PDB file of all heavy atoms in Angstrom:
ATOM      1  N   PHE A   1     -16.415   0.192  -6.580  1.00  0.00           N
ATOM      2  CA  PHE A   1     -15.743  -1.047  -6.223  1.00  0.00           C
ATOM      3  C   PHE A   1     -15.386  -1.791  -7.538  1.00  0.00           C
ATOM      4  O   PHE A   1     -16.143  -1.780  -8.485  1.00  0.00           O
ATOM      5  CB  PHE A   1     -16.702  -1.915  -5.379  1.00  0.00           C
ATOM      6  CG  PHE A   1     -17.000  -1.319  -4.061  1.00  0.00           C
ATOM      7  CD1 PHE A   1     -18.186  -0.583  -3.924  1.00  0.00           C
ATOM      8  CD2 PHE A   1     -16.170  -1.594  -2.879  1.00  0.00           C
ATOM      9  CE1 PHE A   1     -18.443  -0.014  -2.551  1.00  0.00           C
ATOM     10  CE2 PHE A   1     -16.429  -1.120  -1.727  1.00  0.00           C
ATOM     11  CZ  PHE A   1     -17.561  -0.252  -1.507  1.00  0.00           C
ATOM     12  N   SER A   2     -14.222  -2.408  -7.472  1.00  0.00           N
ATOM     13  CA  SER A   2     -13.785  -3.091  -8.680  1.00  0.00           C
ATOM     14  C   SER A   2     -14.603  -4.293  -9.022  1.00  0.00           C
ATOM     15  O   SER A   2     -14.588  -4.652 -10.270  1.00  0.00           O
ATOM     16  CB  SER A   2     -12.225  -3.540  -8.452  1.00  0.00           C
ATOM     17  OG  SER A   2     -12.199  -4.519  -7.430  1.00  0.00           O
ATOM     18  N   ASP A   3     -15.321  -4.888  -8.163  1.00  0.00           N
ATOM     19  CA  ASP A   3     -16.082  -6.113  -8.434  1.00  0.00           C
ATOM     20  C   ASP A   3     -17.651  -5.864  -8.720  1.00  0.00           C
ATOM     21  O   ASP A   3     -18.288  -6.778  -8.905  1.00  0.00           O
ATOM     22  CB  ASP A   3     -15.844  -7.183  -7.398  1.00  0.00           C
ATOM     23  CG  ASP A   3     -16.346  -6.688  -6.027  1.00  0.00           C
ATOM     24  OD1 ASP A   3     -16.501  -5.444  -5.786  1.00  0.00           O
ATOM     25  OD2 ASP A   3     -16.575  -7.613  -5.180  1.00  0.00           O
ATOM     26  N   THR A   4     -18.082  -4.611  -8.533  1.00  0.00           N
ATOM     27  CA  THR A   4     -19.533  -4.405  -8.731  1.00  0.00           C
ATOM     28  C   THR A   4     -19.743  -2.899  -9.085  1.00  0.00           C
ATOM     29  O   THR A   4     -18.956  -2.005  -8.708  1.00  0.00           O
ATOM     30  CB  THR A   4     -20.322  -4.686  -7.458  1.00  0.00           C
ATOM     31  OG1 THR A   4     -21.696  -4.515  -7.788  1.00  0.00           O
ATOM     32  CG2 THR A   4     -19.924  -3.831  -6.318  1.00  0.00           C
ATOM     33  N   GLU A   5     -20.839  -2.667  -9.865  1.00  0.00           N
ATOM     34  CA  GLU A   5     -21.221  -1.292 -10.086  1.00  0.00           C
ATOM     35  C   GLU A   5     -22.444  -0.953  -9.332  1.00  0.00           C
ATOM     36  O   GLU A   5     -23.053   0.152  -9.564  1.00  0.00           O
ATOM     37  CB  GLU A   5     -21.545  -1.214 -11.724  1.00  0.00           C
ATOM     38  CG  GLU A   5     -20.236  -1.366 -12.510  1.00  0.00           C
ATOM     39  CD  GLU A   5     -20.468  -1.132 -13.950  1.00  0.00           C
ATOM     40  OE1 GLU A   5     -21.518  -0.552 -14.362  1.00  0.00           O
ATOM     41  OE2 GLU A   5     -19.611  -1.509 -14.751  1.00  0.00           O
ATOM     42  N   ASP A   6     -22.894  -1.790  -8.464  1.00  0.00           N
ATOM     43  CA  ASP A   6     -24.165  -1.524  -7.710  1.00  0.00           C
ATOM     44  C   ASP A   6     -23.942  -0.614  -6.472  1.00  0.00           C
ATOM     45  O   ASP A   6     -24.872  -0.087  -5.996  1.00  0.00           O
ATOM     46  CB  ASP A   6     -24.722  -2.881  -7.249  1.00  0.00           C
ATOM     47  CG  ASP A   6     -25.195  -3.770  -8.348  1.00  0.00           C
ATOM     48  OD1 ASP A   6     -25.509  -3.164  -9.444  1.00  0.00           O
ATOM     49  OD2 ASP A   6     -25.353  -4.884  -8.242  1.00  0.00           O
ATOM     50  N   ASP A   7     -22.776  -0.508  -5.979  1.00  0.00           N
ATOM     51  CA  ASP A   7     -22.513   0.311  -4.753  1.00  0.00           C
ATOM     52  C   ASP A   7     -21.438   1.253  -4.943  1.00  0.00           C
ATOM     53  O   ASP A   7     -20.505   1.006  -5.837  1.00  0.00           O
ATOM     54  CB  ASP A   7     -22.189  -0.702  -3.631  1.00  0.00           C
ATOM     55  CG  ASP A   7     -23.241  -1.623  -3.278  1.00  0.00           C
ATOM     56  OD1 ASP A   7     -24.426  -1.286  -3.285  1.00  0.00           O
ATOM     57  OD2 ASP A   7     -22.895  -2.906  -3.114  1.00  0.00           O
ATOM     58  N   ARG A   8     -21.430   2.286  -4.156  1.00  0.00           N
ATOM     59  CA  ARG A   8     -20.324   3.312  -4.122  1.00  0.00           C
ATOM     60  C   ARG A   8     -20.001   3.628  -2.714  1.00  0.00           C
ATOM     61  O   ARG A   8     -20.836   3.495  -1.853  1.00  0.00           O
ATOM     62  CB  ARG A   8     -20.764   4.615  -4.833  1.00  0.00           C
ATOM     63  CG  ARG A   8     -21.143   4.543  -6.265  1.00  0.00           C
ATOM     64  CD  ARG A   8     -20.002   4.340  -7.142  1.00  0.00           C
ATOM     65  NE  ARG A   8     -20.321   4.372  -8.519  1.00  0.00           N
ATOM     66  CZ  ARG A   8     -20.485   3.305  -9.298  1.00  0.00           C
ATOM     67  NH1 ARG A   8     -20.326   2.120  -8.764  1.00  0.00           N
ATOM     68  NH2 ARG A   8     -20.802   3.337 -10.574  1.00  0.00           N
ATOM     69  N   LEU A   9     -18.801   4.009  -2.426  1.00  0.00           N
ATOM     70  CA  LEU A   9     -18.353   4.424  -1.119  1.00  0.00           C
ATOM     71  C   LEU A   9     -18.009   5.934  -1.162  1.00  0.00           C
ATOM     72  O   LEU A   9     -17.178   6.298  -2.075  1.00  0.00           O
ATOM     73  CB  LEU A   9     -17.085   3.684  -0.694  1.00  0.00           C
ATOM     74  CG  LEU A   9     -16.626   3.865   0.741  1.00  0.00           C
ATOM     75  CD1 LEU A   9     -16.251   2.685   1.377  1.00  0.00           C
ATOM     76  CD2 LEU A   9     -15.514   4.879   0.764  1.00  0.00           C
ATOM     77  N   GLN A  10     -18.685   6.741  -0.307  1.00  0.00           N
ATOM     78  CA  GLN A  10     -18.431   8.152  -0.408  1.00  0.00           C
ATOM     79  C   GLN A  10     -17.921   8.577   0.910  1.00  0.00           C
ATOM     80  O   GLN A  10     -18.517   8.413   1.901  1.00  0.00           O
ATOM     81  CB  GLN A  10     -19.788   8.831  -0.669  1.00  0.00           C
ATOM     82  CG  GLN A  10     -19.611  10.357  -0.813  1.00  0.00           C
ATOM     83  CD  GLN A  10     -20.872  11.036  -1.278  1.00  0.00           C
ATOM     84  OE1 GLN A  10     -21.995  10.509  -1.099  1.00  0.00           O
ATOM     85  NE2 GLN A  10     -20.796  12.234  -1.761  1.00  0.00           N
ATOM     86  N   PHE A  11     -16.767   9.263   0.857  1.00  0.00           N
ATOM     87  CA  PHE A  11     -16.156   9.861   2.063  1.00  0.00           C
ATOM     88  C   PHE A  11     -16.910  11.102   2.395  1.00  0.00           C
ATOM     89  O   PHE A  11     -17.320  11.907   1.526  1.00  0.00           O
ATOM     90  CB  PHE A  11     -14.677  10.208   1.878  1.00  0.00           C
ATOM     91  CG  PHE A  11     -13.799   8.935   1.802  1.00  0.00           C
ATOM     92  CD1 PHE A  11     -13.284   8.518   0.616  1.00  0.00           C
ATOM     93  CD2 PHE A  11     -13.554   8.228   2.954  1.00  0.00           C
ATOM     94  CE1 PHE A  11     -12.512   7.325   0.565  1.00  0.00           C
ATOM     95  CE2 PHE A  11     -12.793   6.978   2.869  1.00  0.00           C
ATOM     96  CZ  PHE A  11     -12.337   6.665   1.684  1.00  0.00           C
ATOM     97  N   VAL A  12     -17.118  11.412   3.727  1.00  0.00           N
ATOM     98  CA  VAL A  12     -17.917  12.571   4.116  1.00  0.00           C
ATOM     99  C   VAL A  12     -16.915  13.431   4.874  1.00  0.00           C
ATOM    100  O   VAL A  12     -16.045  12.997   5.667  1.00  0.00           O
ATOM    101  CB  VAL A  12     -18.943  12.127   5.071  1.00  0.00           C
ATOM    102  CG1 VAL A  12     -19.742  13.315   5.680  1.00  0.00           C
ATOM    103  CG2 VAL A  12     -19.912  11.157   4.434  1.00  0.00           C
ATOM    104  N   ARG A  13     -16.877  14.777   4.550  1.00  0.00           N
ATOM    105  CA  ARG A  13     -16.011  15.721   5.117  1.00  0.00           C
ATOM    106  C   ARG A  13     -16.689  16.741   6.006  1.00  0.00           C
ATOM    107  O   ARG A  13     -17.829  16.974   5.678  1.00  0.00           O
ATOM    108  CB  ARG A  13     -15.190  16.489   4.009  1.00  0.00           C
ATOM    109  CG  ARG A  13     -14.304  15.577   3.254  1.00  0.00           C
ATOM    110  CD  ARG A  13     -13.607  16.392   2.131  1.00  0.00           C
ATOM    111  NE  ARG A  13     -12.781  15.574   1.299  1.00  0.00           N
ATOM    112  CZ  ARG A  13     -11.569  15.344   1.505  1.00  0.00           C
ATOM    113  NH1 ARG A  13     -10.964  15.800   2.605  1.00  0.00           N
ATOM    114  NH2 ARG A  13     -10.850  14.489   0.665  1.00  0.00           N
ATOM    115  N   ASN A  14     -16.067  17.261   6.978  1.00  0.00           N
ATOM    116  CA  ASN A  14     -16.584  18.320   7.755  1.00  0.00           C
ATOM    117  C   ASN A  14     -16.357  19.644   7.133  1.00  0.00           C
ATOM    118  O   ASN A  14     -15.802  19.771   6.052  1.00  0.00           O
ATOM    119  CB  ASN A  14     -16.165  18.242   9.211  1.00  0.00           C
ATOM    120  CG  ASN A  14     -14.656  18.504   9.334  1.00  0.00           C
ATOM    121  OD1 ASN A  14     -13.971  18.985   8.491  1.00  0.00           O
ATOM    122  ND2 ASN A  14     -14.082  18.218  10.557  1.00  0.00           N
ATOM    123  N   ASP A  15     -16.733  20.775   7.862  1.00  0.00           N
ATOM    124  CA  ASP A  15     -16.641  22.109   7.305  1.00  0.00           C
ATOM    125  C   ASP A  15     -15.171  22.570   6.978  1.00  0.00           C
ATOM    126  O   ASP A  15     -14.914  23.407   6.161  1.00  0.00           O
ATOM    127  CB  ASP A  15     -17.266  23.179   8.253  1.00  0.00           C
ATOM    128  CG  ASP A  15     -18.784  23.036   8.280  1.00  0.00           C
ATOM    129  OD1 ASP A  15     -19.344  22.402   7.340  1.00  0.00           O
ATOM    130  OD2 ASP A  15     -19.392  23.446   9.204  1.00  0.00           O
ATOM    131  N   THR A  16     -14.231  21.850   7.736  1.00  0.00           N
ATOM    132  CA  THR A  16     -12.796  22.228   7.449  1.00  0.00           C
ATOM    133  C   THR A  16     -12.116  21.298   6.464  1.00  0.00           C
ATOM    134  O   THR A  16     -10.933  21.442   6.212  1.00  0.00           O
ATOM    135  CB  THR A  16     -11.929  22.137   8.899  1.00  0.00           C
ATOM    136  OG1 THR A  16     -12.088  20.844   9.321  1.00  0.00           O
ATOM    137  CG2 THR A  16     -12.563  23.124   9.907  1.00  0.00           C
ATOM    138  N   GLY A  17     -12.816  20.337   5.973  1.00  0.00           N
ATOM    139  CA  GLY A  17     -12.314  19.455   4.868  1.00  0.00           C
ATOM    140  C   GLY A  17     -11.766  18.196   5.422  1.00  0.00           C
ATOM    141  O   GLY A  17     -11.319  17.375   4.646  1.00  0.00           O
ATOM    142  N   ASP A  18     -11.802  17.886   6.746  1.00  0.00           N
ATOM    143  CA  ASP A  18     -11.354  16.664   7.278  1.00  0.00           C
ATOM    144  C   ASP A  18     -12.354  15.599   7.065  1.00  0.00           C
ATOM    145  O   ASP A  18     -13.577  15.771   7.155  1.00  0.00           O
ATOM    146  CB  ASP A  18     -11.118  16.783   8.857  1.00  0.00           C
ATOM    147  CG  ASP A  18      -9.963  17.774   9.134  1.00  0.00           C
ATOM    148  OD1 ASP A  18      -9.069  17.822   8.360  1.00  0.00           O
ATOM    149  OD2 ASP A  18     -10.156  18.444  10.088  1.00  0.00           O
ATOM    150  N   ILE A  19     -11.899  14.360   6.742  1.00  0.00           N
ATOM    151  CA  ILE A  19     -12.829  13.266   6.572  1.00  0.00           C
ATOM    152  C   ILE A  19     -13.247  12.754   7.909  1.00  0.00           C
ATOM    153  O   ILE A  19     -12.458  12.511   8.845  1.00  0.00           O
ATOM    154  CB  ILE A  19     -12.107  12.091   5.788  1.00  0.00           C
ATOM    155  CG1 ILE A  19     -11.826  12.492   4.387  1.00  0.00           C
ATOM    156  CG2 ILE A  19     -12.930  10.857   5.741  1.00  0.00           C
ATOM    157  CD1 ILE A  19     -11.009  11.632   3.541  1.00  0.00           C
ATOM    158  N   THR A  20     -14.594  12.674   8.053  1.00  0.00           N
ATOM    159  CA  THR A  20     -15.153  12.273   9.310  1.00  0.00           C
ATOM    160  C   THR A  20     -15.824  10.968   9.269  1.00  0.00           C
ATOM    161  O   THR A  20     -16.223  10.463  10.373  1.00  0.00           O
ATOM    162  CB  THR A  20     -16.200  13.334   9.777  1.00  0.00           C
ATOM    163  OG1 THR A  20     -17.185  13.506   8.786  1.00  0.00           O
ATOM    164  CG2 THR A  20     -15.556  14.673   9.939  1.00  0.00           C
ATOM    165  N   GLY A  21     -15.959  10.366   8.121  1.00  0.00           N
ATOM    166  CA  GLY A  21     -16.620   9.160   7.938  1.00  0.00           C
ATOM    167  C   GLY A  21     -16.815   8.775   6.543  1.00  0.00           C
ATOM    168  O   GLY A  21     -16.285   9.372   5.632  1.00  0.00           O
ATOM    169  N   PHE A  22     -17.675   7.735   6.271  1.00  0.00           N
ATOM    170  CA  PHE A  22     -18.063   7.366   4.985  1.00  0.00           C
ATOM    171  C   PHE A  22     -19.466   6.870   4.961  1.00  0.00           C
ATOM    172  O   PHE A  22     -20.084   6.590   5.952  1.00  0.00           O
ATOM    173  CB  PHE A  22     -17.112   6.417   4.379  1.00  0.00           C
ATOM    174  CG  PHE A  22     -17.287   4.998   4.953  1.00  0.00           C
ATOM    175  CD1 PHE A  22     -18.129   4.074   4.420  1.00  0.00           C
ATOM    176  CD2 PHE A  22     -16.459   4.631   6.094  1.00  0.00           C
ATOM    177  CE1 PHE A  22     -18.221   2.815   5.012  1.00  0.00           C
ATOM    178  CE2 PHE A  22     -16.572   3.385   6.646  1.00  0.00           C
ATOM    179  CZ  PHE A  22     -17.433   2.540   6.099  1.00  0.00           C
ATOM    180  N   GLN A  23     -20.046   6.865   3.758  1.00  0.00           N
ATOM    181  CA  GLN A  23     -21.381   6.203   3.633  1.00  0.00           C
ATOM    182  C   GLN A  23     -21.344   5.335   2.369  1.00  0.00           C
ATOM    183  O   GLN A  23     -20.615   5.634   1.416  1.00  0.00           O
ATOM    184  CB  GLN A  23     -22.411   7.220   3.558  1.00  0.00           C
ATOM    185  CG  GLN A  23     -22.318   8.228   2.488  1.00  0.00           C
ATOM    186  CD  GLN A  23     -23.322   9.410   2.639  1.00  0.00           C
ATOM    187  OE1 GLN A  23     -23.999   9.475   3.606  1.00  0.00           O
ATOM    188  NE2 GLN A  23     -23.389  10.247   1.657  1.00  0.00           N
ATOM    189  N   LEU A  24     -22.168   4.242   2.428  1.00  0.00           N
ATOM    190  CA  LEU A  24     -22.282   3.393   1.296  1.00  0.00           C
ATOM    191  C   LEU A  24     -23.460   3.900   0.488  1.00  0.00           C
ATOM    192  O   LEU A  24     -24.592   4.071   1.055  1.00  0.00           O
ATOM    193  CB  LEU A  24     -22.499   1.868   1.688  1.00  0.00           C
ATOM    194  CG  LEU A  24     -21.247   1.276   2.206  1.00  0.00           C
ATOM    195  CD1 LEU A  24     -21.605  -0.146   2.697  1.00  0.00           C
ATOM    196  CD2 LEU A  24     -20.200   1.207   1.215  1.00  0.00           C
TER     197      LEU A  24
END
């Protein structure tokens, strides 16, 4: 995030490479 170094957003992919969600 541009305003903090404390958190990250990670996209989660399924076995075929499609994004199925994210996690903080």
